[in-house]
Structures are given as C-alpha cells and as structure tokens.
Amino acid sequence: MDNNDILRRIRYAFDFSDPKMADLFALGGLEATREQVAGWLKREDEPSYEELSDRGLAVFLNGLITHRRGKKEGPQPEPETRLTNNIIFKKLKIALNLTSDEVLEMLALADFGMSKHELSAFFRKPGHKHYRECKDQILRNFIKGMQVTYRVKR
C-alpha cells in the first residue's frame, strides 16, 4: 500500500473533511494547505496528484494520535523519515487506544482471522526473534475493520 492510499482510507474511515485533514497535519507539526491535502488524496492517474512522503504520513499519524488522545507532556515525537507497515499499524493502534483483543475484533470484521501471538509479533522491535513484518494485506484488512467500526452510517 502506498502512503496516499493509506491516507485516503483513514480519511474515509473517519469521514474527515479537507480542513480537518489539514488540522491533523498541523497537530503533527506540518502546516499543509487545503490544496496540498487535496493533492495527496487524489489517485495517481488524476491531475494534480501529489505523492505523500513517509515523513508526511508520519506527521499525519502523529497528529491523529494527538487529536484522539491529547497532547503528550514534554517534547513531541519526531516523525519518522522511513515508515513500514508495522509502524503505521502501531501508530493507528495507539491513536485509537486499542487493546490486542479490539484489534483482533476489527480484523474479524474484515473477515481476517489471526491469533494474539501473531498480532503481537507486529509490535515487537525489528531485531527481536519473534518480530514479523506486517504485509499490505494485514494492514489493508485492519483499516477495513476500522471503517466498519468508525465510519458513520448515513
């Protein structure tokens, strides 16, 4: 999954407006214009598409954490310059203040089963012997479960 796709899916799950998206970037430490946000939300084949960098998505996810959980005491975390699916998954879990059981429930809503042990492997440090790389399919299914859980029915 690319960063722009992840951003679009998160926006859809929470039904954020363009100004709200810009506010979340600002909470993470990046003043983004409405036009920049609109460019990041476009598909690759559309005119005025802009690629969202790893750092840009990290800033947005940090802003989402601040928005959902409040500002942390002391210095704010520096956004990562290189993101992996594991880091994105972890940041979403933190932002939503989810337990492992709740994450598993969201995955089940997307018809994707997994054990607690498999899930915990994604949140370990990369050097740990039980660390496991989070594949696109798992992140995609988690975000789909987020949509089922948080998307407002109209």
C-alpha atoms as a PDB file:
ATOM      1  CA  MET A   1       0.000   0.000   0.000  1.00  0.00           C
ATOM      2  CA  ASP A   2       1.278   3.451  -0.733  1.00  0.00           C
ATOM      3  CA  ASN A   3       1.048   6.397   1.657  1.00  0.00           C
ATOM      4  CA  ASN A   4      -1.620   8.203  -0.376  1.00  0.00           C
ATOM      5  CA  ASP A   5      -3.853   5.105  -0.337  1.00  0.00           C
ATOM      6  CA  ILE A   6      -3.473   4.764   3.435  1.00  0.00           C
ATOM      7  CA  LEU A   7      -4.317   8.457   3.888  1.00  0.00           C
ATOM      8  CA  ARG A   8      -7.441   8.103   1.685  1.00  0.00           C
ATOM      9  CA  ARG A   9      -8.615   5.022   3.594  1.00  0.00           C
ATOM     10  CA  ILE A  10      -8.136   6.683   7.004  1.00  0.00           C
ATOM     11  CA  ARG A  11      -9.981   9.772   5.785  1.00  0.00           C
ATOM     12  CA  TYR A  12     -12.862   7.621   4.559  1.00  0.00           C
ATOM     13  CA  ALA A  13     -12.993   5.585   7.806  1.00  0.00           C
ATOM     14  CA  PHE A  14     -13.417   8.705   9.948  1.00  0.00           C
ATOM     15  CA  ASP A  15     -15.219  10.849   7.345  1.00  0.00           C
ATOM     16  CA  PHE A  16     -12.724  13.713   7.757  1.00  0.00           C
ATOM     17  CA  SER A  17     -13.170  16.861   5.676  1.00  0.00           C
ATOM     18  CA  ASP A  18     -10.236  18.500   3.858  1.00  0.00           C
ATOM     19  CA  PRO A  19      -9.939  21.244   6.526  1.00  0.00           C
ATOM     20  CA  LYS A  20      -9.981  18.574   9.267  1.00  0.00           C
ATOM     21  CA  MET A  21      -7.216  16.688   7.436  1.00  0.00           C
ATOM     22  CA  ALA A  22      -5.154  19.911   7.292  1.00  0.00           C
ATOM     23  CA  ASP A  23      -5.766  20.366  11.050  1.00  0.00           C
ATOM     24  CA  LEU A  24      -4.449  16.855  11.728  1.00  0.00           C
ATOM     25  CA  PHE A  25      -1.293  17.587   9.724  1.00  0.00           C
ATOM     26  CA  ALA A  26      -0.888  20.803  11.763  1.00  0.00           C
ATOM     27  CA  LEU A  27      -1.261  18.877  15.040  1.00  0.00           C
ATOM     28  CA  GLY A  28       1.590  16.668  13.847  1.00  0.00           C
ATOM     29  CA  GLY A  29       3.764  19.695  13.061  1.00  0.00           C
ATOM     30  CA  LEU A  30       3.213  20.316   9.334  1.00  0.00           C
ATOM     31  CA  GLU A  31       1.229  23.282   8.058  1.00  0.00           C
ATOM     32  CA  ALA A  32      -0.474  21.810   4.988  1.00  0.00           C
ATOM     33  CA  THR A  33      -2.730  23.804   2.717  1.00  0.00           C
ATOM     34  CA  ARG A  34      -6.114  22.535   1.604  1.00  0.00           C
ATOM     35  CA  GLU A  35      -4.686  22.213  -1.926  1.00  0.00           C
ATOM     36  CA  GLN A  36      -1.798  20.033  -0.711  1.00  0.00           C
ATOM     37  CA  VAL A  37      -4.208  17.793   1.191  1.00  0.00           C
ATOM     38  CA  ALA A  38      -6.447  17.541  -1.881  1.00  0.00           C
ATOM     39  CA  GLY A  39      -3.391  16.565  -3.988  1.00  0.00           C
ATOM     40  CA  TRP A  40      -2.412  13.843  -1.519  1.00  0.00           C
ATOM     41  CA  LEU A  41      -5.953  12.449  -1.556  1.00  0.00           C
ATOM     42  CA  LYS A  42      -6.148  12.130  -5.349  1.00  0.00           C
ATOM     43  CA  ARG A  43      -5.420   8.899  -7.188  1.00  0.00           C
ATOM     44  CA  GLU A  44      -2.192   8.515  -9.187  1.00  0.00           C
ATOM     45  CA  ASP A  45      -3.896   8.905 -12.555  1.00  0.00           C
ATOM     46  CA  GLU A  46      -5.663  12.160 -11.632  1.00  0.00           C
ATOM     47  CA  PRO A  47      -4.261  15.595 -12.482  1.00  0.00           C
ATOM     48  CA  SER A  48      -2.657  17.485  -9.548  1.00  0.00           C
ATOM     49  CA  TYR A  49      -1.865  14.194  -7.748  1.00  0.00           C
ATOM     50  CA  GLU A  50       0.966  14.668  -5.243  1.00  0.00           C
ATOM     51  CA  GLU A  51       2.887  11.797  -3.684  1.00  0.00           C
ATOM     52  CA  LEU A  52       2.819  11.793   0.121  1.00  0.00           C
ATOM     53  CA  SER A  53       6.226  11.099   1.660  1.00  0.00           C
ATOM     54  CA  ASP A  54       6.830   8.715   4.552  1.00  0.00           C
ATOM     55  CA  ARG A  55       7.579  11.724   6.745  1.00  0.00           C
ATOM     56  CA  GLY A  56       4.304  13.364   5.658  1.00  0.00           C
ATOM     57  CA  LEU A  57       2.259  10.303   6.600  1.00  0.00           C
ATOM     58  CA  ALA A  58       4.156  10.018   9.908  1.00  0.00           C
ATOM     59  CA  VAL A  59       3.279  13.660  10.660  1.00  0.00           C
ATOM     60  CA  PHE A  60      -0.385  12.962   9.876  1.00  0.00           C
ATOM     61  CA  LEU A  61      -0.446   9.837  12.079  1.00  0.00           C
ATOM     62  CA  ASN A  62       1.225  11.766  14.937  1.00  0.00           C
ATOM     63  CA  GLY A  63      -1.459  14.445  14.508  1.00  0.00           C
ATOM     64  CA  LEU A  64      -4.160  11.757  14.604  1.00  0.00           C
ATOM     65  CA  ILE A  65      -2.678  10.424  17.860  1.00  0.00           C
ATOM     66  CA  THR A  66      -2.680  13.946  19.342  1.00  0.00           C
ATOM     67  CA  HIS A  67      -6.247  14.549  18.139  1.00  0.00           C
ATOM     68  CA  ARG A  68      -7.616  11.287  19.560  1.00  0.00           C
ATOM     69  CA  ARG A  69      -5.572  11.052  22.793  1.00  0.00           C
ATOM     70  CA  GLY A  70      -4.497  14.609  23.602  1.00  0.00           C
ATOM     71  CA  LYS A  71      -1.131  16.312  23.516  1.00  0.00           C
ATOM     72  CA  LYS A  72       1.694  14.444  25.222  1.00  0.00           C
ATOM     73  CA  GLU A  73       3.660  16.128  28.015  1.00  0.00           C
ATOM     74  CA  GLY A  74       7.171  17.234  27.116  1.00  0.00           C
ATOM     75  CA  PRO A  75       8.761  17.207  23.679  1.00  0.00           C
ATOM     76  CA  GLN A  76       6.618  15.904  20.851  1.00  0.00           C
ATOM     77  CA  PRO A  77       7.796  12.794  18.985  1.00  0.00           C
ATOM     78  CA  GLU A  78       9.788  13.390  15.821  1.00  0.00           C
ATOM     79  CA  PRO A  79       8.097  11.984  12.724  1.00  0.00           C
ATOM     80  CA  GLU A  80       9.874   9.039  11.145  1.00  0.00           C
ATOM     81  CA  THR A  81      11.568   9.596   7.802  1.00  0.00           C
ATOM     82  CA  ARG A  82      11.062   5.937   6.809  1.00  0.00           C
ATOM     83  CA  LEU A  83       7.755   4.178   7.529  1.00  0.00           C
ATOM     84  CA  THR A  84       6.930   0.485   7.476  1.00  0.00           C
ATOM     85  CA  ASN A  85       3.510  -1.156   7.708  1.00  0.00           C
ATOM     86  CA  ASN A  86       4.456  -2.186  11.267  1.00  0.00           C
ATOM     87  CA  ILE A  87       4.985   1.451  12.303  1.00  0.00           C
ATOM     88  CA  ILE A  88       1.749   2.573  10.619  1.00  0.00           C
ATOM     89  CA  PHE A  89      -0.191  -0.271  12.293  1.00  0.00           C
ATOM     90  CA  LYS A  90       1.318   0.617  15.683  1.00  0.00           C
ATOM     91  CA  LYS A  91       0.511   4.334  15.298  1.00  0.00           C
ATOM     92  CA  LEU A  92      -3.110   3.554  14.377  1.00  0.00           C
ATOM     93  CA  LYS A  93      -3.398   1.209  17.366  1.00  0.00           C
ATOM     94  CA  ILE A  94      -2.035   3.953  19.639  1.00  0.00           C
ATOM     95  CA  ALA A  95      -4.261   6.666  18.129  1.00  0.00           C
ATOM     96  CA  LEU A  96      -7.382   4.559  18.659  1.00  0.00           C
ATOM     97  CA  ASN A  97      -6.217   3.382  22.110  1.00  0.00           C
ATOM     98  CA  LEU A  98      -6.925  -0.238  21.188  1.00  0.00           C
ATOM     99  CA  THR A  99      -6.161  -3.403  23.092  1.00  0.00           C
ATOM    100  CA  SER A 100      -4.979  -6.506  21.252  1.00  0.00           C
ATOM    101  CA  ASP A 101      -8.446  -8.021  21.592  1.00  0.00           C
ATOM    102  CA  GLU A 102     -10.021  -4.943  19.993  1.00  0.00           C
ATOM    103  CA  VAL A 103      -7.540  -5.080  17.100  1.00  0.00           C
ATOM    104  CA  LEU A 104      -8.402  -8.753  16.582  1.00  0.00           C
ATOM    105  CA  GLU A 105     -12.127  -7.870  16.610  1.00  0.00           C
ATOM    106  CA  MET A 106     -11.534  -5.246  13.903  1.00  0.00           C
ATOM    107  CA  LEU A 107      -9.630  -7.751  11.801  1.00  0.00           C
ATOM    108  CA  ALA A 108     -12.505 -10.202  12.265  1.00  0.00           C
ATOM    109  CA  LEU A 109     -14.931  -7.538  10.970  1.00  0.00           C
ATOM    110  CA  ALA A 110     -12.888  -7.634   7.756  1.00  0.00           C
ATOM    111  CA  ASP A 111     -13.141 -11.444   7.722  1.00  0.00           C
ATOM    112  CA  PHE A 112      -9.483 -11.822   8.618  1.00  0.00           C
ATOM    113  CA  GLY A 113      -8.539 -14.118  11.482  1.00  0.00           C
ATOM    114  CA  MET A 114      -5.336 -14.012  13.478  1.00  0.00           C
ATOM    115  CA  SER A 115      -4.100 -15.127  16.902  1.00  0.00           C
ATOM    116  CA  LYS A 116      -2.868 -12.825  19.664  1.00  0.00           C
ATOM    117  CA  HIS A 117       0.640 -14.245  19.269  1.00  0.00           C
ATOM    118  CA  GLU A 118       0.701 -13.457  15.551  1.00  0.00           C
ATOM    119  CA  LEU A 119      -0.566  -9.945  16.252  1.00  0.00           C
ATOM    120  CA  SER A 120       1.978  -9.225  18.995  1.00  0.00           C
ATOM    121  CA  ALA A 121       4.817 -10.100  16.586  1.00  0.00           C
ATOM    122  CA  PHE A 122       3.983  -6.974  14.537  1.00  0.00           C
ATOM    123  CA  PHE A 123       4.536  -4.663  17.516  1.00  0.00           C
ATOM    124  CA  ARG A 124       7.935  -6.017  18.550  1.00  0.00           C
ATOM    125  CA  LYS A 125      11.259  -4.347  17.792  1.00  0.00           C
ATOM    126  CA  PRO A 126      12.718  -5.367  14.404  1.00  0.00           C
ATOM    127  CA  GLY A 127      15.686  -7.155  15.993  1.00  0.00           C
ATOM    128  CA  HIS A 128      13.512  -9.367  18.236  1.00  0.00           C
ATOM    129  CA  LYS A 129      13.498 -13.056  17.329  1.00  0.00           C
ATOM    130  CA  HIS A 130       9.674 -13.120  17.149  1.00  0.00           C
ATOM    131  CA  TYR A 131       9.355  -9.895  15.120  1.00  0.00           C
ATOM    132  CA  ARG A 132       7.250 -10.301  11.978  1.00  0.00           C
ATOM    133  CA  GLU A 133       6.867  -7.928   9.060  1.00  0.00           C
ATOM    134  CA  CYS A 134       3.324  -6.624   8.565  1.00  0.00           C
ATOM    135  CA  LYS A 135       2.240  -7.280   4.981  1.00  0.00           C
ATOM    136  CA  ASP A 136      -0.063  -4.994   2.978  1.00  0.00           C
ATOM    137  CA  GLN A 137      -2.953  -7.460   3.249  1.00  0.00           C
ATOM    138  CA  ILE A 138      -2.953  -7.299   7.055  1.00  0.00           C
ATOM    139  CA  LEU A 139      -2.785  -3.501   7.195  1.00  0.00           C
ATOM    140  CA  ARG A 140      -5.488  -3.253   4.499  1.00  0.00           C
ATOM    141  CA  ASN A 141      -7.785  -5.576   6.476  1.00  0.00           C
ATOM    142  CA  PHE A 142      -7.183  -3.678   9.717  1.00  0.00           C
ATOM    143  CA  ILE A 143      -8.099  -0.389   8.023  1.00  0.00           C
ATOM    144  CA  LYS A 144     -11.185  -2.081   6.545  1.00  0.00           C
ATOM    145  CA  GLY A 145     -12.155  -3.165  10.076  1.00  0.00           C
ATOM    146  CA  MET A 146     -11.589   0.433  11.220  1.00  0.00           C
ATOM    147  CA  GLN A 147     -14.006   1.604   8.524  1.00  0.00           C
ATOM    148  CA  VAL A 148     -16.671  -0.848   9.690  1.00  0.00           C
ATOM    149  CA  THR A 149     -16.153   0.264  13.289  1.00  0.00           C
ATOM    150  CA  TYR A 150     -15.791   4.044  12.954  1.00  0.00           C
ATOM    151  CA  ARG A 151     -17.467   5.062   9.682  1.00  0.00           C
ATOM    152  CA  VAL A 152     -20.715   6.906  10.400  1.00  0.00           C
ATOM    153  CA  LYS A 153     -23.688   5.234   8.741  1.00  0.00           C
ATOM    154  CA  ARG A 154     -25.808   7.660   6.743  1.00  0.00           C
END
